[in-house]
C-alpha atoms as a PDB file:
ATOM      1  CA  MET A   1     -17.494   6.554  12.827  1.00  0.00           C
ATOM      2  CA  THR A   2     -16.840   3.012  11.664  1.00  0.00           C
ATOM      3  CA  GLU A   3     -15.666   0.222  13.933  1.00  0.00           C
ATOM      4  CA  LEU A   4     -12.378   0.145  12.025  1.00  0.00           C
ATOM      5  CA  THR A   5     -11.838   3.856  12.635  1.00  0.00           C
ATOM      6  CA  ARG A   6     -12.604   3.493  16.342  1.00  0.00           C
ATOM      7  CA  THR A   7     -10.220   0.567  16.628  1.00  0.00           C
ATOM      8  CA  SER A   8      -7.466   2.374  14.733  1.00  0.00           C
ATOM      9  CA  SER A   9      -7.819   5.493  16.893  1.00  0.00           C
ATOM     10  CA  ARG A  10      -7.333   3.461  20.072  1.00  0.00           C
ATOM     11  CA  ARG A  11      -4.346   1.433  18.874  1.00  0.00           C
ATOM     12  CA  PRO A  12      -0.997   3.008  19.896  1.00  0.00           C
ATOM     13  CA  LEU A  13       1.307   4.055  17.086  1.00  0.00           C
ATOM     14  CA  ASP A  14       4.085   1.628  16.246  1.00  0.00           C
ATOM     15  CA  GLY A  15       7.418   2.619  14.713  1.00  0.00           C
ATOM     16  CA  ILE A  16       6.298   2.679  11.086  1.00  0.00           C
ATOM     17  CA  ASP A  17       3.122   4.618  12.010  1.00  0.00           C
ATOM     18  CA  ARG A  18       5.241   7.294  13.672  1.00  0.00           C
ATOM     19  CA  LEU A  19       7.493   7.486  10.613  1.00  0.00           C
ATOM     20  CA  LEU A  20       4.490   7.876   8.310  1.00  0.00           C
ATOM     21  CA  SER A  21       3.162  10.615  10.591  1.00  0.00           C
ATOM     22  CA  ARG A  22       6.428  12.552  10.474  1.00  0.00           C
ATOM     23  CA  VAL A  23       6.584  12.385   6.676  1.00  0.00           C
ATOM     24  CA  ASP A  24       2.929  13.447   6.499  1.00  0.00           C
ATOM     25  CA  LYS A  25       3.715  16.554   8.567  1.00  0.00           C
ATOM     26  CA  ARG A  26       6.541  17.385   6.174  1.00  0.00           C
ATOM     27  CA  LEU A  27       4.169  17.016   3.217  1.00  0.00           C
ATOM     28  CA  ARG A  28       1.752  19.421   4.879  1.00  0.00           C
ATOM     29  CA  GLN A  29       4.522  21.974   5.224  1.00  0.00           C
ATOM     30  CA  LEU A  30       5.572  21.661   1.580  1.00  0.00           C
ATOM     31  CA  ALA A  31       2.228  21.134  -0.130  1.00  0.00           C
ATOM     32  CA  GLY A  32      -0.128  23.058   2.133  1.00  0.00           C
ATOM     33  CA  ALA A  33      -2.461  21.959   4.933  1.00  0.00           C
ATOM     34  CA  SER A  34      -5.227  21.082   2.454  1.00  0.00           C
ATOM     35  CA  ILE A  35      -3.071  18.306   0.964  1.00  0.00           C
ATOM     36  CA  SER A  36      -2.324  15.696   3.597  1.00  0.00           C
ATOM     37  CA  LEU A  37      -2.793  12.039   4.351  1.00  0.00           C
ATOM     38  CA  PRO A  38      -5.540  10.844   6.712  1.00  0.00           C
ATOM     39  CA  GLU A  39      -4.655   9.318  10.075  1.00  0.00           C
ATOM     40  CA  ALA A  40      -7.277   6.573   9.688  1.00  0.00           C
ATOM     41  CA  ALA A  41      -9.140   4.808   6.891  1.00  0.00           C
ATOM     42  CA  SER A  42     -11.616   7.013   5.053  1.00  0.00           C
ATOM     43  CA  ARG A  43     -13.605   3.970   3.909  1.00  0.00           C
ATOM     44  CA  PRO A  44     -14.836   1.046   5.991  1.00  0.00           C
ATOM     45  CA  SER A  45     -13.074  -2.235   5.404  1.00  0.00           C
ATOM     46  CA  PRO A  46     -14.794  -4.433   2.791  1.00  0.00           C
ATOM     47  CA  SER A  47     -14.729  -7.196   5.409  1.00  0.00           C
ATOM     48  CA  VAL A  48     -16.980  -5.341   7.861  1.00  0.00           C
ATOM     49  CA  GLY A  49     -20.165  -7.282   8.580  1.00  0.00           C
ATOM     50  CA  HIS A  50     -18.731 -10.655   7.623  1.00  0.00           C
ATOM     51  CA  GLU A  51     -18.209 -13.379  10.197  1.00  0.00           C
ATOM     52  CA  GLU A  52     -14.745 -14.632  11.059  1.00  0.00           C
ATOM     53  CA  PRO A  53     -14.183 -17.849   9.067  1.00  0.00           C
ATOM     54  CA  LYS A  54     -13.362 -21.157  10.693  1.00  0.00           C
ATOM     55  CA  LEU A  55      -9.847 -21.928   9.505  1.00  0.00           C
ATOM     56  CA  SER A  56      -7.404 -24.661  10.404  1.00  0.00           C
ATOM     57  CA  THR A  57      -4.199 -23.634  12.151  1.00  0.00           C
ATOM     58  CA  ARG A  58      -2.243 -23.937   8.906  1.00  0.00           C
ATOM     59  CA  GLU A  59      -4.850 -21.985   6.917  1.00  0.00           C
ATOM     60  CA  ARG A  60      -4.880 -19.233   9.523  1.00  0.00           C
ATOM     61  CA  GLU A  61      -1.089 -18.971   9.537  1.00  0.00           C
ATOM     62  CA  HIS A  62      -1.007 -18.874   5.728  1.00  0.00           C
ATOM     63  CA  ALA A  63      -3.707 -16.188   5.521  1.00  0.00           C
ATOM     64  CA  ALA A  64      -1.909 -14.149   8.186  1.00  0.00           C
ATOM     65  CA  ALA A  65       1.394 -14.370   6.307  1.00  0.00           C
ATOM     66  CA  LEU A  66      -0.243 -13.254   3.050  1.00  0.00           C
ATOM     67  CA  MET A  67      -1.865 -10.281   4.778  1.00  0.00           C
ATOM     68  CA  ARG A  68       1.506  -9.386   6.330  1.00  0.00           C
ATOM     69  CA  VAL A  69       2.991  -9.305   2.822  1.00  0.00           C
ATOM     70  CA  ASN A  70       0.184  -7.039   1.627  1.00  0.00           C
ATOM     71  CA  HIS A  71       0.555  -4.781   4.656  1.00  0.00           C
ATOM     72  CA  THR A  72       4.241  -4.310   3.833  1.00  0.00           C
ATOM     73  CA  GLY A  73       3.279  -3.634   0.226  1.00  0.00           C
ATOM     74  CA  GLU A  74       1.050  -0.806   1.417  1.00  0.00           C
ATOM     75  CA  VAL A  75       3.817   0.558   3.637  1.00  0.00           C
ATOM     76  CA  CYS A  76       5.968   0.660   0.493  1.00  0.00           C
ATOM     77  CA  ALA A  77       3.144   2.321  -1.438  1.00  0.00           C
ATOM     78  CA  GLN A  78       2.883   5.105   1.146  1.00  0.00           C
ATOM     79  CA  ALA A  79       6.633   5.629   0.994  1.00  0.00           C
ATOM     80  CA  LEU A  80       6.724   5.684  -2.814  1.00  0.00           C
ATOM     81  CA  TYR A  81       3.852   8.152  -3.141  1.00  0.00           C
ATOM     82  CA  GLN A  82       5.186  10.400  -0.385  1.00  0.00           C
ATOM     83  CA  GLY A  83       8.687  10.405  -1.851  1.00  0.00           C
ATOM     84  CA  GLN A  84       7.278  11.195  -5.283  1.00  0.00           C
ATOM     85  CA  ALA A  85       5.019  13.932  -3.919  1.00  0.00           C
ATOM     86  CA  LEU A  86       7.898  15.639  -2.123  1.00  0.00           C
ATOM     87  CA  ALA A  87       9.896  15.891  -5.366  1.00  0.00           C
ATOM     88  CA  ALA A  88       7.030  16.363  -7.859  1.00  0.00           C
ATOM     89  CA  ARG A  89       7.596  19.108 -10.436  1.00  0.00           C
ATOM     90  CA  SER A  90       3.992  20.334 -10.558  1.00  0.00           C
ATOM     91  CA  ASP A  91       1.246  20.876  -8.009  1.00  0.00           C
ATOM     92  CA  GLU A  92      -1.154  18.919 -10.227  1.00  0.00           C
ATOM     93  CA  THR A  93       1.051  15.835 -10.210  1.00  0.00           C
ATOM     94  CA  ARG A  94       1.619  16.175  -6.459  1.00  0.00           C
ATOM     95  CA  GLU A  95      -2.127  16.264  -5.817  1.00  0.00           C
ATOM     96  CA  LYS A  96      -2.738  13.207  -8.011  1.00  0.00           C
ATOM     97  CA  LEU A  97      -0.044  11.287  -6.149  1.00  0.00           C
ATOM     98  CA  LEU A  98      -1.409  12.249  -2.742  1.00  0.00           C
ATOM     99  CA  SER A  99      -4.958  11.473  -3.823  1.00  0.00           C
ATOM    100  CA  ALA A 100      -3.883   7.939  -4.699  1.00  0.00           C
ATOM    101  CA  ALA A 101      -1.929   7.733  -1.433  1.00  0.00           C
ATOM    102  CA  ARG A 102      -5.100   8.506   0.528  1.00  0.00           C
ATOM    103  CA  GLU A 103      -6.754   5.407  -0.932  1.00  0.00           C
ATOM    104  CA  GLU A 104      -3.583   3.413  -0.310  1.00  0.00           C
ATOM    105  CA  ALA A 105      -3.817   4.540   3.332  1.00  0.00           C
ATOM    106  CA  ASP A 106      -7.182   2.749   3.472  1.00  0.00           C
ATOM    107  CA  HIS A 107      -5.474  -0.415   2.247  1.00  0.00           C
ATOM    108  CA  LEU A 108      -2.821  -0.032   4.943  1.00  0.00           C
ATOM    109  CA  ALA A 109      -5.444   0.253   7.679  1.00  0.00           C
ATOM    110  CA  TRP A 110      -7.530  -2.644   6.322  1.00  0.00           C
ATOM    111  CA  CYS A 111      -4.514  -4.971   6.152  1.00  0.00           C
ATOM    112  CA  LYS A 112      -3.376  -3.987   9.641  1.00  0.00           C
ATOM    113  CA  ALA A 113      -6.832  -4.624  11.097  1.00  0.00           C
ATOM    114  CA  ARG A 114      -7.102  -7.989   9.335  1.00  0.00           C
ATOM    115  CA  MET A 115      -3.677  -9.023  10.594  1.00  0.00           C
ATOM    116  CA  ALA A 116      -4.816  -8.246  14.142  1.00  0.00           C
ATOM    117  CA  GLU A 117      -7.862 -10.467  13.629  1.00  0.00           C
ATOM    118  CA  LEU A 118      -5.549 -13.265  12.468  1.00  0.00           C
ATOM    119  CA  ASP A 119      -3.186 -12.722  15.442  1.00  0.00           C
ATOM    120  CA  ALA A 120      -0.343 -11.676  13.137  1.00  0.00           C
ATOM    121  CA  GLU A 121       2.339  -9.025  13.605  1.00  0.00           C
ATOM    122  CA  PRO A 122       3.612  -6.611  10.919  1.00  0.00           C
ATOM    123  CA  SER A 123       6.874  -7.478   9.225  1.00  0.00           C
ATOM    124  CA  ARG A 124       9.990  -6.473  11.132  1.00  0.00           C
ATOM    125  CA  LEU A 125      11.441  -5.413   7.780  1.00  0.00           C
ATOM    126  CA  ASN A 126       8.902  -2.594   7.288  1.00  0.00           C
ATOM    127  CA  PRO A 127      11.264   0.261   8.265  1.00  0.00           C
ATOM    128  CA  LEU A 128      13.866  -0.994   5.778  1.00  0.00           C
ATOM    129  CA  PHE A 129      11.370  -1.317   2.939  1.00  0.00           C
ATOM    130  CA  TYR A 130       9.829   2.055   3.799  1.00  0.00           C
ATOM    131  CA  ALA A 131      13.186   3.854   3.614  1.00  0.00           C
ATOM    132  CA  ALA A 132      14.153   2.177   0.338  1.00  0.00           C
ATOM    133  CA  SER A 133      10.767   2.904  -1.236  1.00  0.00           C
ATOM    134  CA  PHE A 134      10.771   6.544  -0.129  1.00  0.00           C
ATOM    135  CA  ALA A 135      14.219   7.096  -1.657  1.00  0.00           C
ATOM    136  CA  LEU A 136      13.145   5.357  -4.867  1.00  0.00           C
ATOM    137  CA  GLY A 137       9.990   7.462  -5.090  1.00  0.00           C
ATOM    138  CA  ALA A 138      11.925  10.695  -4.651  1.00  0.00           C
ATOM    139  CA  ALA A 139      14.483   9.594  -7.264  1.00  0.00           C
ATOM    140  CA  THR A 140      11.849   8.845  -9.909  1.00  0.00           C
ATOM    141  CA  ALA A 141      10.125  12.160  -9.220  1.00  0.00           C
ATOM    142  CA  ALA A 142      13.421  13.993  -9.654  1.00  0.00           C
ATOM    143  CA  ALA A 143      13.572  12.546 -13.185  1.00  0.00           C
ATOM    144  CA  GLY A 144      10.351  14.382 -14.063  1.00  0.00           C
ATOM    145  CA  ASP A 145       6.599  13.957 -13.751  1.00  0.00           C
ATOM    146  CA  LYS A 146       6.308  11.717 -16.839  1.00  0.00           C
ATOM    147  CA  VAL A 147       8.797   9.260 -15.374  1.00  0.00           C
ATOM    148  CA  SER A 148       7.222   9.510 -11.930  1.00  0.00           C
ATOM    149  CA  LEU A 149       3.724   8.741 -13.212  1.00  0.00           C
ATOM    150  CA  GLY A 150       5.117   5.995 -15.443  1.00  0.00           C
ATOM    151  CA  PHE A 151       6.691   4.469 -12.366  1.00  0.00           C
ATOM    152  CA  VAL A 152       3.294   4.521 -10.642  1.00  0.00           C
ATOM    153  CA  HIS A 153       1.787   2.618 -13.568  1.00  0.00           C
ATOM    154  CA  ALA A 154       4.564   0.023 -13.652  1.00  0.00           C
ATOM    155  CA  THR A 155       4.420  -0.414  -9.877  1.00  0.00           C
ATOM    156  CA  GLU A 156       0.667  -0.859  -9.847  1.00  0.00           C
ATOM    157  CA  GLU A 157       1.002  -3.539 -12.538  1.00  0.00           C
ATOM    158  CA  ARG A 158       3.333  -5.465 -10.232  1.00  0.00           C
ATOM    159  CA  VAL A 159       1.025  -4.979  -7.241  1.00  0.00           C
ATOM    160  CA  ALA A 160      -2.064  -6.065  -9.180  1.00  0.00           C
ATOM    161  CA  SER A 161      -0.262  -9.219 -10.307  1.00  0.00           C
ATOM    162  CA  HIS A 162       0.640 -10.318  -6.801  1.00  0.00           C
ATOM    163  CA  LEU A 163      -2.834  -9.447  -5.477  1.00  0.00           C
ATOM    164  CA  ARG A 164      -4.361 -11.769  -8.076  1.00  0.00           C
ATOM    165  CA  ALA A 165      -1.951 -14.491  -6.974  1.00  0.00           C
ATOM    166  CA  HIS A 166      -2.847 -13.943  -3.327  1.00  0.00           C
ATOM    167  CA  LEU A 167      -6.563 -14.097  -4.066  1.00  0.00           C
ATOM    168  CA  LYS A 168      -5.978 -17.562  -5.500  1.00  0.00           C
ATOM    169  CA  ALA A 169      -3.667 -18.598  -2.658  1.00  0.00           C
ATOM    170  CA  LEU A 170      -5.912 -17.550   0.238  1.00  0.00           C
ATOM    171  CA  PRO A 171      -7.867 -20.312   2.002  1.00  0.00           C
ATOM    172  CA  GLY A 172     -11.203 -20.701   0.240  1.00  0.00           C
ATOM    173  CA  GLY A 173     -13.140 -19.970   3.417  1.00  0.00           C
ATOM    174  CA  ASP A 174     -11.372 -16.714   4.248  1.00  0.00           C
ATOM    175  CA  ARG A 175     -13.975 -14.429   2.743  1.00  0.00           C
ATOM    176  CA  LYS A 176     -12.895 -11.449   4.848  1.00  0.00           C
ATOM    177  CA  SER A 177      -9.356 -11.386   3.462  1.00  0.00           C
ATOM    178  CA  GLN A 178     -10.641 -12.053  -0.056  1.00  0.00           C
ATOM    179  CA  LEU A 179     -12.954  -9.038   0.033  1.00  0.00           C
ATOM    180  CA  ILE A 180     -10.147  -6.771   1.227  1.00  0.00           C
ATOM    181  CA  LEU A 181      -7.730  -7.903  -1.474  1.00  0.00           C
ATOM    182  CA  GLN A 182     -10.368  -7.660  -4.210  1.00  0.00           C
ATOM    183  CA  GLN A 183     -11.088  -4.015  -3.373  1.00  0.00           C
ATOM    184  CA  MET A 184      -7.378  -3.304  -3.190  1.00  0.00           C
ATOM    185  CA  LEU A 185      -6.953  -4.872  -6.641  1.00  0.00           C
ATOM    186  CA  ASN A 186      -9.725  -2.686  -8.057  1.00  0.00           C
ATOM    187  CA  ASP A 187      -8.091   0.445  -6.648  1.00  0.00           C
ATOM    188  CA  GLU A 188      -4.570  -0.482  -7.789  1.00  0.00           C
ATOM    189  CA  GLU A 189      -5.666  -1.143 -11.360  1.00  0.00           C
ATOM    190  CA  ARG A 190      -7.431   2.228 -11.449  1.00  0.00           C
ATOM    191  CA  HIS A 191      -4.391   4.052 -10.039  1.00  0.00           C
ATOM    192  CA  GLY A 192      -2.176   2.550 -12.720  1.00  0.00           C
ATOM    193  CA  ALA A 193      -4.558   3.464 -15.531  1.00  0.00           C
ATOM    194  CA  GLU A 194      -4.960   7.020 -14.235  1.00  0.00           C
ATOM    195  CA  ALA A 195      -1.179   7.492 -14.048  1.00  0.00           C
ATOM    196  CA  LEU A 196      -0.865   6.763 -17.777  1.00  0.00           C
ATOM    197  CA  LYS A 197      -3.908   8.884 -18.565  1.00  0.00           C
ATOM    198  CA  HIS A 198      -2.335  11.888 -16.840  1.00  0.00           C
ATOM    199  CA  GLY A 199       0.902  11.764 -18.804  1.00  0.00           C
ATOM    200  CA  GLY A 200       2.934   8.865 -17.440  1.00  0.00           C
ATOM    201  CA  GLU A 201       5.222   7.093 -19.869  1.00  0.00           C
ATOM    202  CA  GLU A 202       5.135   3.335 -20.355  1.00  0.00           C
ATOM    203  CA  PHE A 203       8.280   1.743 -18.940  1.00  0.00           C
ATOM    204  CA  PRO A 204      10.247  -0.679 -21.177  1.00  0.00           C
ATOM    205  CA  ARG A 205       9.948  -4.408 -20.458  1.00  0.00           C
ATOM    206  CA  PRO A 206      13.510  -4.843 -19.049  1.00  0.00           C
ATOM    207  CA  VAL A 207      12.848  -2.151 -16.415  1.00  0.00           C
ATOM    208  CA  LYS A 208       9.585  -3.828 -15.457  1.00  0.00           C
ATOM    209  CA  ALA A 209      11.420  -7.146 -15.149  1.00  0.00           C
ATOM    210  CA  VAL A 210      13.833  -5.616 -12.617  1.00  0.00           C
ATOM    211  CA  MET A 211      10.897  -4.162 -10.707  1.00  0.00           C
ATOM    212  CA  THR A 212       9.297  -7.607 -10.624  1.00  0.00           C
ATOM    213  CA  LEU A 213      12.445  -9.094  -9.083  1.00  0.00           C
ATOM    214  CA  ALA A 214      12.463  -6.383  -6.404  1.00  0.00           C
ATOM    215  CA  SER A 215       8.796  -7.047  -5.676  1.00  0.00           C
ATOM    216  CA  GLN A 216       9.460 -10.770  -5.333  1.00  0.00           C
ATOM    217  CA  LEU A 217      12.228 -10.070  -2.823  1.00  0.00           C
ATOM    218  CA  MET A 218       9.774  -8.138  -0.663  1.00  0.00           C
ATOM    219  CA  THR A 219       6.984 -10.699  -0.876  1.00  0.00           C
ATOM    220  CA  ARG A 220       9.194 -13.714  -0.166  1.00  0.00           C
ATOM    221  CA  THR A 221      10.938 -12.183   2.854  1.00  0.00           C
ATOM    222  CA  THR A 222       7.934 -10.580   4.554  1.00  0.00           C
ATOM    223  CA  TYR A 223       5.888 -13.787   4.285  1.00  0.00           C
ATOM    224  CA  TRP A 224       8.194 -15.173   6.989  1.00  0.00           C
ATOM    225  CA  ILE A 225       9.690 -12.120   8.759  1.00  0.00           C
END
């Protein structure tokens, strides 16, 4: 058992954790016990084994705010994938969505652990963004698997873009946060490519532009709140 897993198992569930747990139980009922989301990270954090960097107060606050944004992004990712999985037309598509969600659950745990190291709290807006993302995921799935997988691809494009921006914006000495975001970027790019490969349709540019605006709303608010 990794240190991250031990730490996560001891930490009491907060509100968004309890909500994720309830939705996970519903997914188990609908999709079968063999298809469920893990309660803790399945992979150790990329930052394990690296020393805590010496950051100025401003650098530490900035890094913490960026990791809070990414934590909220992963809360949204869980909601989107779970909403899509609940309404997926085929078992194959549902399994692909939940498989990606399992890796996204690693990202959620890594960001939460890194925030704790930086003495940061999760965004107070997480429940709001979770509910909106879950409803959006279910709505796209109701439009059909091609649309649902296309939405995954378009979403992952937006996520990858802001991860690249955050990698540049992080303090140069914060190697721990950089390693986490780099692995997240690798995973997100793969999820997007796999969604197209398995039948997702490419979204038109105007739709992607609206999605970008929605993403910017989330990133700009959760940096501060």
